[in-house]
N, C-alpha and C. Protein backbone atom coordinates (compact mmCIF):
# COMPACT_ATOMS: atom_id res chain seq x y z
N MET A 1 9.42 -19.25 -25.73
CA MET A 1 9.16 -19.12 -24.31
C MET A 1 10.35 -18.48 -23.60
N ASP A 2 11.57 -18.86 -23.99
CA ASP A 2 12.75 -18.29 -23.34
C ASP A 2 12.88 -16.79 -23.60
N ALA A 3 12.47 -16.35 -24.78
CA ALA A 3 12.55 -14.92 -25.10
C ALA A 3 11.64 -14.11 -24.20
N MET A 4 10.48 -14.65 -23.87
CA MET A 4 9.55 -13.94 -22.99
C MET A 4 10.12 -13.83 -21.58
N ILE A 5 10.79 -14.86 -21.12
CA ILE A 5 11.38 -14.84 -19.78
C ILE A 5 12.53 -13.85 -19.73
N GLU A 6 13.38 -13.84 -20.75
CA GLU A 6 14.54 -12.93 -20.76
C GLU A 6 14.10 -11.47 -20.85
N ARG A 7 13.05 -11.20 -21.61
CA ARG A 7 12.59 -9.83 -21.76
C ARG A 7 12.13 -9.27 -20.43
N GLY A 8 11.49 -10.09 -19.60
CA GLY A 8 11.02 -9.64 -18.30
C GLY A 8 12.13 -9.50 -17.29
N GLN A 9 13.24 -10.18 -17.48
CA GLN A 9 14.32 -10.17 -16.49
C GLN A 9 15.32 -9.05 -16.70
N ASN A 10 15.31 -8.38 -17.83
CA ASN A 10 16.32 -7.36 -18.07
C ASN A 10 15.97 -6.00 -17.48
N GLY A 11 14.91 -5.93 -16.67
CA GLY A 11 14.58 -4.71 -15.96
C GLY A 11 13.56 -3.83 -16.64
N GLU A 12 13.10 -4.18 -17.81
CA GLU A 12 12.10 -3.37 -18.49
C GLU A 12 10.71 -3.72 -17.99
N ALA A 13 9.92 -2.71 -17.75
CA ALA A 13 8.54 -2.94 -17.32
C ALA A 13 7.68 -3.24 -18.54
N THR A 14 6.88 -4.23 -18.44
CA THR A 14 5.99 -4.57 -19.53
C THR A 14 4.63 -3.94 -19.29
N ASP A 15 3.78 -4.00 -20.30
CA ASP A 15 2.43 -3.46 -20.15
C ASP A 15 1.66 -4.20 -19.06
N LYS A 16 1.91 -5.49 -18.95
CA LYS A 16 1.23 -6.29 -17.93
C LYS A 16 1.65 -5.84 -16.53
N ASP A 17 2.94 -5.57 -16.35
CA ASP A 17 3.42 -5.10 -15.05
C ASP A 17 2.78 -3.76 -14.69
N THR A 18 2.69 -2.86 -15.67
CA THR A 18 2.09 -1.56 -15.43
C THR A 18 0.61 -1.71 -15.09
N LEU A 19 -0.08 -2.59 -15.80
CA LEU A 19 -1.49 -2.83 -15.53
C LEU A 19 -1.69 -3.37 -14.12
N MET A 20 -0.85 -4.30 -13.70
CA MET A 20 -0.95 -4.87 -12.35
C MET A 20 -0.69 -3.81 -11.29
N LEU A 21 0.29 -2.96 -11.53
CA LEU A 21 0.61 -1.89 -10.57
C LEU A 21 -0.56 -0.92 -10.43
N MET A 22 -1.11 -0.50 -11.55
CA MET A 22 -2.21 0.46 -11.50
C MET A 22 -3.48 -0.16 -10.91
N SER A 23 -3.74 -1.42 -11.20
CA SER A 23 -4.93 -2.05 -10.63
C SER A 23 -4.76 -2.25 -9.12
N GLY A 24 -3.57 -2.56 -8.67
CA GLY A 24 -3.32 -2.67 -7.24
C GLY A 24 -3.49 -1.34 -6.54
N LEU A 25 -3.00 -0.29 -7.16
CA LEU A 25 -3.17 1.05 -6.59
C LEU A 25 -4.64 1.44 -6.52
N ALA A 26 -5.39 1.11 -7.56
CA ALA A 26 -6.83 1.41 -7.57
C ALA A 26 -7.54 0.65 -6.46
N LEU A 27 -7.16 -0.60 -6.22
CA LEU A 27 -7.79 -1.37 -5.16
C LEU A 27 -7.47 -0.80 -3.78
N VAL A 28 -6.26 -0.31 -3.59
CA VAL A 28 -5.89 0.31 -2.32
C VAL A 28 -6.71 1.57 -2.07
N VAL A 29 -6.83 2.41 -3.09
CA VAL A 29 -7.62 3.64 -2.94
C VAL A 29 -9.09 3.31 -2.69
N PHE A 30 -9.63 2.34 -3.42
CA PHE A 30 -11.02 1.95 -3.24
C PHE A 30 -11.25 1.39 -1.83
N GLY A 31 -10.34 0.56 -1.36
CA GLY A 31 -10.47 -0.01 -0.02
C GLY A 31 -10.39 1.06 1.06
N ALA A 32 -9.47 2.00 0.89
CA ALA A 32 -9.37 3.10 1.86
C ALA A 32 -10.65 3.93 1.86
N GLY A 33 -11.23 4.14 0.70
CA GLY A 33 -12.48 4.88 0.62
C GLY A 33 -13.62 4.15 1.32
N LEU A 34 -13.66 2.83 1.16
CA LEU A 34 -14.70 2.06 1.85
C LEU A 34 -14.54 2.13 3.36
N ILE A 35 -13.32 2.04 3.81
CA ILE A 35 -13.07 2.08 5.25
C ILE A 35 -13.42 3.46 5.81
N LEU A 36 -12.98 4.50 5.11
CA LEU A 36 -13.21 5.86 5.61
C LEU A 36 -14.65 6.32 5.48
N SER A 37 -15.46 5.61 4.70
CA SER A 37 -16.87 6.00 4.58
C SER A 37 -17.71 5.46 5.74
N ASN A 38 -17.14 4.63 6.58
CA ASN A 38 -17.86 4.07 7.72
C ASN A 38 -17.96 5.14 8.82
N ARG A 39 -19.16 5.29 9.39
CA ARG A 39 -19.37 6.32 10.42
C ARG A 39 -18.50 6.13 11.64
N SER A 40 -18.40 4.90 12.11
CA SER A 40 -17.62 4.67 13.33
C SER A 40 -16.13 4.94 13.11
N VAL A 41 -15.63 4.65 11.93
CA VAL A 41 -14.22 4.94 11.63
C VAL A 41 -14.00 6.44 11.58
N ARG A 42 -14.92 7.16 10.93
CA ARG A 42 -14.78 8.62 10.88
C ARG A 42 -14.84 9.23 12.27
N ARG A 43 -15.71 8.70 13.12
CA ARG A 43 -15.82 9.20 14.49
C ARG A 43 -14.52 8.94 15.26
N TYR A 44 -13.96 7.75 15.09
CA TYR A 44 -12.72 7.40 15.78
C TYR A 44 -11.56 8.28 15.32
N ILE A 45 -11.48 8.50 14.02
CA ILE A 45 -10.41 9.37 13.49
C ILE A 45 -10.61 10.80 13.98
N GLY A 46 -11.86 11.24 14.04
CA GLY A 46 -12.15 12.59 14.52
C GLY A 46 -11.76 12.78 15.98
N GLN A 47 -11.93 11.75 16.79
CA GLN A 47 -11.56 11.84 18.20
C GLN A 47 -10.05 11.82 18.38
N MET A 48 -9.39 10.97 17.63
CA MET A 48 -7.95 10.81 17.80
C MET A 48 -7.16 11.88 17.07
N GLY A 49 -7.58 12.25 15.89
CA GLY A 49 -6.87 13.25 15.09
C GLY A 49 -5.75 12.61 14.28
N PRO A 50 -5.38 13.24 13.18
CA PRO A 50 -4.35 12.67 12.31
C PRO A 50 -2.98 12.56 12.99
N GLY A 51 -2.64 13.52 13.85
CA GLY A 51 -1.36 13.46 14.55
C GLY A 51 -1.26 12.26 15.46
N GLY A 52 -2.35 11.96 16.16
CA GLY A 52 -2.37 10.80 17.05
C GLY A 52 -2.25 9.50 16.29
N LEU A 53 -2.88 9.44 15.10
CA LEU A 53 -2.77 8.24 14.28
C LEU A 53 -1.34 8.02 13.80
N LEU A 54 -0.67 9.11 13.43
CA LEU A 54 0.72 8.98 12.98
C LEU A 54 1.63 8.54 14.13
N GLN A 55 1.41 9.08 15.31
CA GLN A 55 2.21 8.68 16.47
C GLN A 55 2.00 7.21 16.82
N ALA A 56 0.78 6.74 16.65
CA ALA A 56 0.48 5.34 16.93
C ALA A 56 1.10 4.41 15.89
N ALA A 57 1.29 4.90 14.67
CA ALA A 57 1.82 4.07 13.59
C ALA A 57 3.34 4.00 13.57
N VAL A 58 4.02 4.96 14.19
CA VAL A 58 5.49 5.02 14.12
C VAL A 58 6.14 3.75 14.68
N PRO A 59 5.76 3.23 15.84
CA PRO A 59 6.42 2.01 16.33
C PRO A 59 6.24 0.81 15.39
N ASP A 60 5.07 0.71 14.76
CA ASP A 60 4.85 -0.39 13.82
C ASP A 60 5.75 -0.26 12.60
N VAL A 61 5.91 0.96 12.10
CA VAL A 61 6.76 1.18 10.93
C VAL A 61 8.22 0.87 11.29
N GLU A 62 8.65 1.30 12.47
CA GLU A 62 10.02 1.02 12.89
C GLU A 62 10.27 -0.48 13.02
N ARG A 63 9.31 -1.20 13.57
CA ARG A 63 9.43 -2.66 13.71
C ARG A 63 9.51 -3.31 12.34
N TYR A 64 8.69 -2.83 11.39
CA TYR A 64 8.71 -3.38 10.04
C TYR A 64 10.07 -3.15 9.37
N MET A 65 10.63 -1.96 9.55
CA MET A 65 11.93 -1.67 8.94
C MET A 65 13.03 -2.53 9.54
N LYS A 66 12.97 -2.82 10.83
CA LYS A 66 13.96 -3.70 11.45
C LYS A 66 13.85 -5.11 10.92
N LEU A 67 12.62 -5.61 10.77
CA LEU A 67 12.43 -6.94 10.22
C LEU A 67 12.90 -7.03 8.77
N ARG A 68 12.66 -5.99 8.04
CA ARG A 68 13.06 -5.99 6.63
C ARG A 68 14.58 -5.94 6.47
N ALA A 69 15.27 -5.31 7.42
CA ALA A 69 16.72 -5.20 7.35
C ALA A 69 17.43 -6.50 7.68
N MET A 70 16.72 -7.44 8.30
CA MET A 70 17.36 -8.70 8.68
C MET A 70 17.74 -9.54 7.49
């Protein structure tokens, strides 16, 4: 049991870690696809435009970075 714990702590990625990373990425892409396939979401994005969405997201990202730096 101790050998398994030490192997994971020395910084090497295991197959399980890679599988978890890829499955999480697949879930994010699938979820974004589900959200963007909704008519009302597409209409809202079309009205606002990608530039407006990025401008609206900047204050949230800045707040997140400040919280993370604490």
